[in-house]
Structure formats: C-alpha cells, structure tokens
N, C-alpha and C. Protein backbone atom coordinates (compact mmCIF):
# COMPACT_ATOMS: atom_id res chain seq x y z
N MET A 1 235.10 70.67 91.43
CA MET A 1 234.98 69.79 92.59
C MET A 1 236.31 69.81 93.34
N HIS A 2 236.26 69.86 94.62
CA HIS A 2 237.45 69.92 95.48
C HIS A 2 238.24 68.62 95.39
N GLY A 3 239.59 68.72 95.44
CA GLY A 3 240.47 67.56 95.29
C GLY A 3 240.15 66.41 96.23
N SER A 4 239.89 66.71 97.51
CA SER A 4 239.60 65.62 98.46
C SER A 4 238.27 64.96 98.13
N SER A 5 237.33 65.73 97.56
CA SER A 5 236.05 65.14 97.15
C SER A 5 236.26 64.19 95.98
N ILE A 6 237.11 64.58 95.05
CA ILE A 6 237.40 63.69 93.92
C ILE A 6 238.12 62.45 94.41
N ASP A 7 239.04 62.60 95.34
CA ASP A 7 239.73 61.44 95.90
C ASP A 7 238.71 60.47 96.51
N ALA A 8 237.78 60.99 97.29
CA ALA A 8 236.75 60.15 97.91
C ALA A 8 235.87 59.51 96.85
N ARG A 9 235.48 60.27 95.82
CA ARG A 9 234.66 59.72 94.74
C ARG A 9 235.41 58.61 94.01
N TYR A 10 236.71 58.84 93.77
CA TYR A 10 237.50 57.84 93.06
C TYR A 10 237.62 56.55 93.89
N ARG A 11 237.87 56.68 95.16
CA ARG A 11 237.98 55.49 96.01
C ARG A 11 236.64 54.75 96.11
N ALA A 12 235.53 55.50 96.06
CA ALA A 12 234.21 54.86 96.03
C ALA A 12 234.02 54.10 94.72
N TYR A 13 234.54 54.64 93.62
CA TYR A 13 234.49 53.96 92.33
C TYR A 13 235.27 52.64 92.39
N LEU A 14 236.48 52.67 92.96
CA LEU A 14 237.26 51.43 93.10
C LEU A 14 236.53 50.42 93.98
N ALA A 15 235.89 50.88 95.04
CA ALA A 15 235.11 49.97 95.89
C ALA A 15 233.96 49.35 95.10
N CYS A 16 233.34 50.13 94.24
CA CYS A 16 232.27 49.62 93.39
C CYS A 16 232.80 48.50 92.49
N LEU A 17 233.98 48.71 91.92
CA LEU A 17 234.59 47.68 91.07
C LEU A 17 234.94 46.44 91.88
N ASN A 18 235.56 46.63 93.03
CA ASN A 18 235.96 45.49 93.85
C ASN A 18 234.76 44.71 94.40
N ASP A 19 233.64 45.40 94.61
CA ASP A 19 232.42 44.75 95.10
C ASP A 19 231.59 44.16 93.96
N ARG A 20 232.07 44.35 92.71
CA ARG A 20 231.37 43.83 91.52
C ARG A 20 229.98 44.43 91.37
N ARG A 21 229.82 45.69 91.77
CA ARG A 21 228.54 46.38 91.65
C ARG A 21 228.48 47.14 90.31
N PHE A 22 228.61 46.40 89.24
CA PHE A 22 228.69 47.02 87.92
C PHE A 22 227.41 47.74 87.52
N ASP A 23 226.28 47.35 88.09
CA ASP A 23 225.03 48.06 87.80
C ASP A 23 225.00 49.44 88.43
N ASP A 24 225.94 49.72 89.34
CA ASP A 24 226.01 51.03 90.00
C ASP A 24 227.01 51.97 89.34
N LEU A 25 227.60 51.57 88.23
CA LEU A 25 228.63 52.39 87.59
C LEU A 25 228.12 53.76 87.16
N GLY A 26 226.84 53.87 86.87
CA GLY A 26 226.28 55.17 86.48
C GLY A 26 226.43 56.23 87.55
N GLU A 27 226.62 55.82 88.80
CA GLU A 27 226.87 56.77 89.88
C GLU A 27 228.27 57.38 89.77
N HIS A 28 229.15 56.72 89.04
CA HIS A 28 230.56 57.12 88.99
C HIS A 28 231.02 57.62 87.62
N LEU A 29 230.29 57.25 86.57
CA LEU A 29 230.70 57.55 85.20
C LEU A 29 229.66 58.39 84.48
N LEU A 30 230.13 59.30 83.63
CA LEU A 30 229.21 59.97 82.72
C LEU A 30 228.83 58.96 81.64
N ASP A 31 227.70 59.18 81.01
CA ASP A 31 227.22 58.27 79.97
C ASP A 31 226.97 59.07 78.70
N PRO A 32 227.81 58.90 77.69
CA PRO A 32 228.88 57.91 77.58
C PRO A 32 230.15 58.38 78.29
N VAL A 33 231.03 57.41 78.55
CA VAL A 33 232.36 57.68 79.08
C VAL A 33 233.35 57.41 77.95
N VAL A 34 234.45 58.14 77.93
CA VAL A 34 235.47 57.93 76.91
C VAL A 34 236.58 57.10 77.55
N HIS A 35 236.81 55.90 77.01
CA HIS A 35 237.84 55.00 77.52
C HIS A 35 238.85 54.77 76.41
N ASN A 36 240.09 55.23 76.62
CA ASN A 36 241.15 55.13 75.60
C ASN A 36 240.63 55.56 74.23
N ASP A 37 240.00 56.72 74.21
CA ASP A 37 239.48 57.38 73.00
C ASP A 37 238.27 56.70 72.38
N ARG A 38 237.69 55.71 73.05
CA ARG A 38 236.44 55.09 72.56
C ARG A 38 235.28 55.58 73.42
N HIS A 39 234.23 56.04 72.78
CA HIS A 39 233.02 56.46 73.49
C HIS A 39 232.19 55.21 73.78
N LEU A 40 231.99 54.93 75.06
CA LEU A 40 231.25 53.75 75.48
C LEU A 40 230.09 54.15 76.37
N ARG A 41 228.97 53.53 76.15
CA ARG A 41 227.86 53.68 77.09
C ARG A 41 228.30 53.02 78.40
N VAL A 42 227.73 53.43 79.50
CA VAL A 42 228.09 52.84 80.78
C VAL A 42 227.88 51.33 80.74
N ALA A 43 226.81 50.87 80.10
CA ALA A 43 226.54 49.43 80.01
C ALA A 43 227.64 48.72 79.22
N GLU A 44 228.18 49.35 78.19
CA GLU A 44 229.27 48.74 77.41
C GLU A 44 230.54 48.67 78.25
N PHE A 45 230.82 49.73 79.01
CA PHE A 45 231.99 49.73 79.89
C PHE A 45 231.84 48.65 80.96
N ALA A 46 230.63 48.51 81.51
CA ALA A 46 230.37 47.47 82.50
C ALA A 46 230.63 46.09 81.91
N ASP A 47 230.26 45.90 80.64
CA ASP A 47 230.51 44.61 79.98
C ASP A 47 232.01 44.31 79.89
N LEU A 48 232.82 45.35 79.63
CA LEU A 48 234.28 45.15 79.61
C LEU A 48 234.78 44.71 80.98
N LEU A 49 234.27 45.32 82.03
CA LEU A 49 234.68 44.97 83.39
C LEU A 49 234.22 43.56 83.75
N ARG A 50 233.02 43.21 83.33
CA ARG A 50 232.53 41.84 83.58
C ARG A 50 233.40 40.82 82.87
N ARG A 51 233.84 41.12 81.66
CA ARG A 51 234.73 40.23 80.92
C ARG A 51 236.03 40.05 81.70
N ASP A 52 236.58 41.15 82.21
CA ASP A 52 237.82 41.06 82.99
C ASP A 52 237.63 40.15 84.21
N VAL A 53 236.50 40.27 84.90
CA VAL A 53 236.23 39.45 86.08
C VAL A 53 236.02 37.99 85.68
N ASP A 54 235.40 37.77 84.53
CA ASP A 54 235.24 36.38 84.04
C ASP A 54 236.61 35.76 83.79
N GLU A 55 237.55 36.55 83.25
CA GLU A 55 238.88 36.05 82.92
C GLU A 55 239.81 36.04 84.12
N ILE A 56 239.49 36.86 85.13
CA ILE A 56 240.31 36.94 86.35
C ILE A 56 239.35 36.97 87.55
N PRO A 57 238.86 35.81 87.97
CA PRO A 57 237.85 35.77 89.04
C PRO A 57 238.29 36.42 90.36
N ASP A 58 239.60 36.41 90.66
CA ASP A 58 240.07 37.01 91.92
C ASP A 58 240.61 38.42 91.71
N LEU A 59 240.15 39.09 90.66
CA LEU A 59 240.58 40.45 90.35
C LEU A 59 240.23 41.40 91.49
N HIS A 60 241.23 42.16 91.95
CA HIS A 60 241.02 43.15 93.00
C HIS A 60 241.87 44.38 92.67
N TYR A 61 241.23 45.53 92.65
CA TYR A 61 241.88 46.80 92.33
C TYR A 61 242.52 47.35 93.60
N ASP A 62 243.86 47.36 93.65
CA ASP A 62 244.60 47.84 94.82
C ASP A 62 245.34 49.11 94.41
N ALA A 63 244.81 50.24 94.82
CA ALA A 63 245.41 51.53 94.45
C ALA A 63 246.68 51.74 95.26
N GLU A 64 247.82 51.62 94.57
CA GLU A 64 249.12 51.84 95.23
C GLU A 64 249.44 53.32 95.36
N LEU A 65 249.02 54.10 94.38
CA LEU A 65 249.34 55.52 94.35
C LEU A 65 248.18 56.24 93.69
N VAL A 66 247.63 57.23 94.36
CA VAL A 66 246.55 58.05 93.82
C VAL A 66 246.96 59.51 93.95
N LEU A 67 246.96 60.20 92.83
CA LEU A 67 247.27 61.63 92.81
C LEU A 67 246.09 62.37 92.20
N VAL A 68 245.67 63.43 92.88
CA VAL A 68 244.56 64.25 92.39
C VAL A 68 245.10 65.63 92.07
N ASP A 69 244.79 66.12 90.88
CA ASP A 69 245.18 67.46 90.45
C ASP A 69 243.97 68.10 89.79
N GLY A 70 243.28 68.94 90.54
CA GLY A 70 242.07 69.56 90.00
C GLY A 70 241.02 68.48 89.73
N ASP A 71 240.60 68.40 88.46
CA ASP A 71 239.59 67.42 88.05
C ASP A 71 240.19 66.16 87.46
N HIS A 72 241.48 65.93 87.73
CA HIS A 72 242.16 64.76 87.18
C HIS A 72 242.70 63.88 88.30
N VAL A 73 242.66 62.56 88.04
CA VAL A 73 243.20 61.57 88.97
C VAL A 73 244.19 60.71 88.19
N ALA A 74 245.34 60.47 88.79
CA ALA A 74 246.30 59.51 88.24
C ALA A 74 246.45 58.41 89.28
N CYS A 75 246.46 57.17 88.82
CA CYS A 75 246.53 56.06 89.76
C CYS A 75 247.39 54.94 89.20
N ARG A 76 248.16 54.34 90.08
CA ARG A 76 248.88 53.09 89.78
C ARG A 76 248.14 52.02 90.56
N ILE A 77 247.55 51.09 89.82
CA ILE A 77 246.76 50.03 90.43
C ILE A 77 247.53 48.72 90.31
N ARG A 78 247.68 48.02 91.41
CA ARG A 78 248.35 46.72 91.41
C ARG A 78 247.30 45.62 91.49
N PHE A 79 247.55 44.60 90.70
CA PHE A 79 246.70 43.41 90.70
C PHE A 79 247.56 42.21 91.06
N ASP A 80 247.18 41.48 92.07
CA ASP A 80 247.78 40.19 92.43
C ASP A 80 246.66 39.18 92.25
N CYS A 81 246.75 38.37 91.20
CA CYS A 81 245.60 37.56 90.83
C CYS A 81 246.02 36.34 90.02
N THR A 82 245.04 35.52 89.69
CA THR A 82 245.29 34.29 88.95
C THR A 82 244.36 34.23 87.74
N PRO A 83 244.78 34.84 86.62
CA PRO A 83 243.92 34.83 85.43
C PRO A 83 243.68 33.42 84.91
N THR A 84 242.45 33.16 84.50
CA THR A 84 242.12 31.89 83.87
C THR A 84 242.28 32.00 82.35
N GLY A 85 242.78 33.14 81.93
CA GLY A 85 242.93 33.51 80.53
C GLY A 85 242.57 34.98 80.48
N PHE A 86 243.44 35.83 80.03
CA PHE A 86 243.18 37.27 80.04
C PHE A 86 243.55 37.83 78.68
N ARG A 87 242.56 38.35 77.99
CA ARG A 87 242.77 38.99 76.69
C ARG A 87 243.54 38.09 75.72
N GLY A 88 243.13 36.82 75.68
CA GLY A 88 243.72 35.88 74.74
C GLY A 88 244.98 35.18 75.23
N LEU A 89 245.43 35.49 76.44
CA LEU A 89 246.63 34.86 76.98
C LEU A 89 246.25 33.55 77.67
N PRO A 90 247.22 32.64 77.83
CA PRO A 90 246.92 31.37 78.50
C PRO A 90 246.66 31.58 79.99
N PRO A 91 246.02 30.63 80.64
CA PRO A 91 245.77 30.72 82.08
C PRO A 91 247.08 30.75 82.88
N ALA A 92 247.03 31.41 84.01
CA ALA A 92 248.19 31.44 84.91
C ALA A 92 248.22 30.14 85.71
N LYS A 93 249.42 29.62 85.94
CA LYS A 93 249.59 28.41 86.75
C LYS A 93 249.61 28.76 88.23
N GLU A 94 249.94 30.01 88.52
CA GLU A 94 249.99 30.50 89.89
C GLU A 94 249.68 31.99 89.86
N LYS A 95 249.57 32.57 91.03
CA LYS A 95 249.25 33.99 91.14
C LYS A 95 250.32 34.84 90.46
N ILE A 96 249.89 35.86 89.74
CA ILE A 96 250.81 36.80 89.11
C ILE A 96 250.49 38.21 89.61
N SER A 97 251.41 39.13 89.36
CA SER A 97 251.22 40.53 89.72
C SER A 97 251.46 41.40 88.49
N PHE A 98 250.61 42.39 88.32
CA PHE A 98 250.84 43.37 87.25
C PHE A 98 250.21 44.69 87.66
N VAL A 99 250.54 45.73 86.91
CA VAL A 99 250.03 47.05 87.24
C VAL A 99 249.29 47.65 86.04
N GLU A 100 248.42 48.56 86.39
CA GLU A 100 247.74 49.41 85.41
C GLU A 100 248.01 50.85 85.82
N HIS A 101 248.41 51.66 84.85
CA HIS A 101 248.54 53.09 85.08
C HIS A 101 247.33 53.72 84.40
N VAL A 102 246.57 54.46 85.17
CA VAL A 102 245.32 54.98 84.62
C VAL A 102 245.11 56.42 85.06
N PHE A 103 244.58 57.19 84.13
CA PHE A 103 244.31 58.60 84.35
C PHE A 103 242.83 58.85 84.09
N TYR A 104 242.24 59.70 84.90
CA TYR A 104 240.81 59.99 84.80
C TYR A 104 240.60 61.50 84.74
N GLU A 105 239.58 61.88 84.01
CA GLU A 105 239.12 63.27 84.02
C GLU A 105 237.70 63.26 84.56
N TYR A 106 237.46 64.07 85.58
CA TYR A 106 236.13 64.19 86.18
C TYR A 106 235.42 65.42 85.63
N ARG A 107 234.12 65.27 85.40
CA ARG A 107 233.23 66.39 85.07
C ARG A 107 231.95 66.18 85.84
N ALA A 108 231.48 67.23 86.47
CA ALA A 108 230.23 67.18 87.23
C ALA A 108 230.25 66.04 88.26
N GLY A 109 231.42 65.78 88.84
CA GLY A 109 231.52 64.79 89.91
C GLY A 109 231.59 63.35 89.45
N ARG A 110 231.64 63.13 88.13
CA ARG A 110 231.72 61.76 87.61
C ARG A 110 232.84 61.66 86.59
N ILE A 111 233.30 60.45 86.36
CA ILE A 111 234.40 60.20 85.43
C ILE A 111 233.89 60.39 84.00
N ALA A 112 234.57 61.28 83.26
CA ALA A 112 234.21 61.56 81.87
C ALA A 112 235.16 60.86 80.90
N ARG A 113 236.45 60.78 81.28
CA ARG A 113 237.46 60.17 80.40
C ARG A 113 238.37 59.29 81.23
N ILE A 114 238.79 58.18 80.60
CA ILE A 114 239.72 57.24 81.23
C ILE A 114 240.80 56.91 80.20
N TRP A 115 242.05 57.04 80.63
CA TRP A 115 243.19 56.60 79.82
C TRP A 115 243.88 55.50 80.60
N SER A 116 243.98 54.31 80.04
CA SER A 116 244.46 53.15 80.78
C SER A 116 245.57 52.44 80.02
N LEU A 117 246.60 52.07 80.75
CA LEU A 117 247.71 51.30 80.18
C LEU A 117 248.03 50.16 81.14
N ILE A 118 247.83 48.92 80.66
CA ILE A 118 248.11 47.72 81.46
C ILE A 118 249.45 47.14 81.02
N ASP A 119 250.25 46.69 81.96
CA ASP A 119 251.57 46.11 81.67
C ASP A 119 251.41 44.70 81.12
N MET A 120 250.98 44.61 79.85
CA MET A 120 250.77 43.31 79.21
C MET A 120 252.08 42.54 79.04
N ASP A 121 253.20 43.24 78.80
CA ASP A 121 254.49 42.55 78.68
C ASP A 121 254.86 41.87 80.00
N GLY A 122 254.58 42.54 81.12
CA GLY A 122 254.84 41.94 82.43
C GLY A 122 253.98 40.70 82.65
N ILE A 123 252.74 40.75 82.20
CA ILE A 123 251.86 39.58 82.32
C ILE A 123 252.40 38.43 81.48
N ARG A 124 252.73 38.73 80.22
CA ARG A 124 253.25 37.68 79.32
C ARG A 124 254.51 37.02 79.89
N ALA A 125 255.41 37.83 80.45
CA ALA A 125 256.66 37.30 81.01
C ALA A 125 256.38 36.34 82.16
N GLN A 126 255.43 36.69 83.02
CA GLN A 126 255.11 35.82 84.15
C GLN A 126 254.42 34.54 83.71
N LEU A 127 253.58 34.63 82.69
CA LEU A 127 252.88 33.44 82.20
C LEU A 127 253.83 32.48 81.48
N ALA A 128 254.94 33.02 80.97
CA ALA A 128 255.91 32.19 80.23
C ALA A 128 256.79 31.36 81.16
N ARG A 129 256.77 31.66 82.46
CA ARG A 129 257.62 30.94 83.42
C ARG A 129 257.12 29.54 83.66
C-alpha cells in the first residue's frame, strides 16, 4: 500500500476513535489484531478503548507527529484531558496532558500490529500535584 494511502487510512482510524465509532473498528483492524504482543479480537480491542473512554470521558487523540515508512506508521499522540480515574490511578483535579508513542504495522490496508507506550510516569506526576 502506498505511504500516502496508509497515512489517510491511519488518520481515518484516529477519526473513528475520536468519534467513538468503536463498532467500525473492523474497517481499520485485522481480526485478530496484535496489541503489545497480545492477540485480541477486534471486539476485545474495542472493549479496551471503551474502558479508556469510560475513565477519560474527554479523551481525544491528537496526532502531533505521524511518520509513514512502507507499511509502518509511527505516531506521537497527545492527550489533553481530565481522567476520572485511569488504569487504577486517582481522578484528575484538573486537565492533564500526556503522550502515547505508538507504532503500527499495516497488512492488506488494515492495522495488523500495534505497539503502544503511554507516559504513565508523566500522568502520575501530574496527578500528585
């Protein structure tokens, strides 16, 4: 798949996430998809995303940097949000900012693998203020 096509597909995937169209994830992901070395059905991956939205109602994926190299995408995503509790952490008293560095491998025009690293230390530091 051509690099600009993957870029467009990736941005459509982010729009799907931001629009909370989790039932449409099959248009963007292979089933199963590999997320941080775990094989997940698309429905299981959607459940993870729903949990994130439950814990962070104002969650918005803001792609600060997107790089496409062949069938791979690297992205730095910024989140400016107010978690009500995220992955066992206490609720935020005010808006916080954190980033996720994520890498994707595309096959047949859809995401086959995702490697994700969220700056949990940055989140903890802001919540401790």
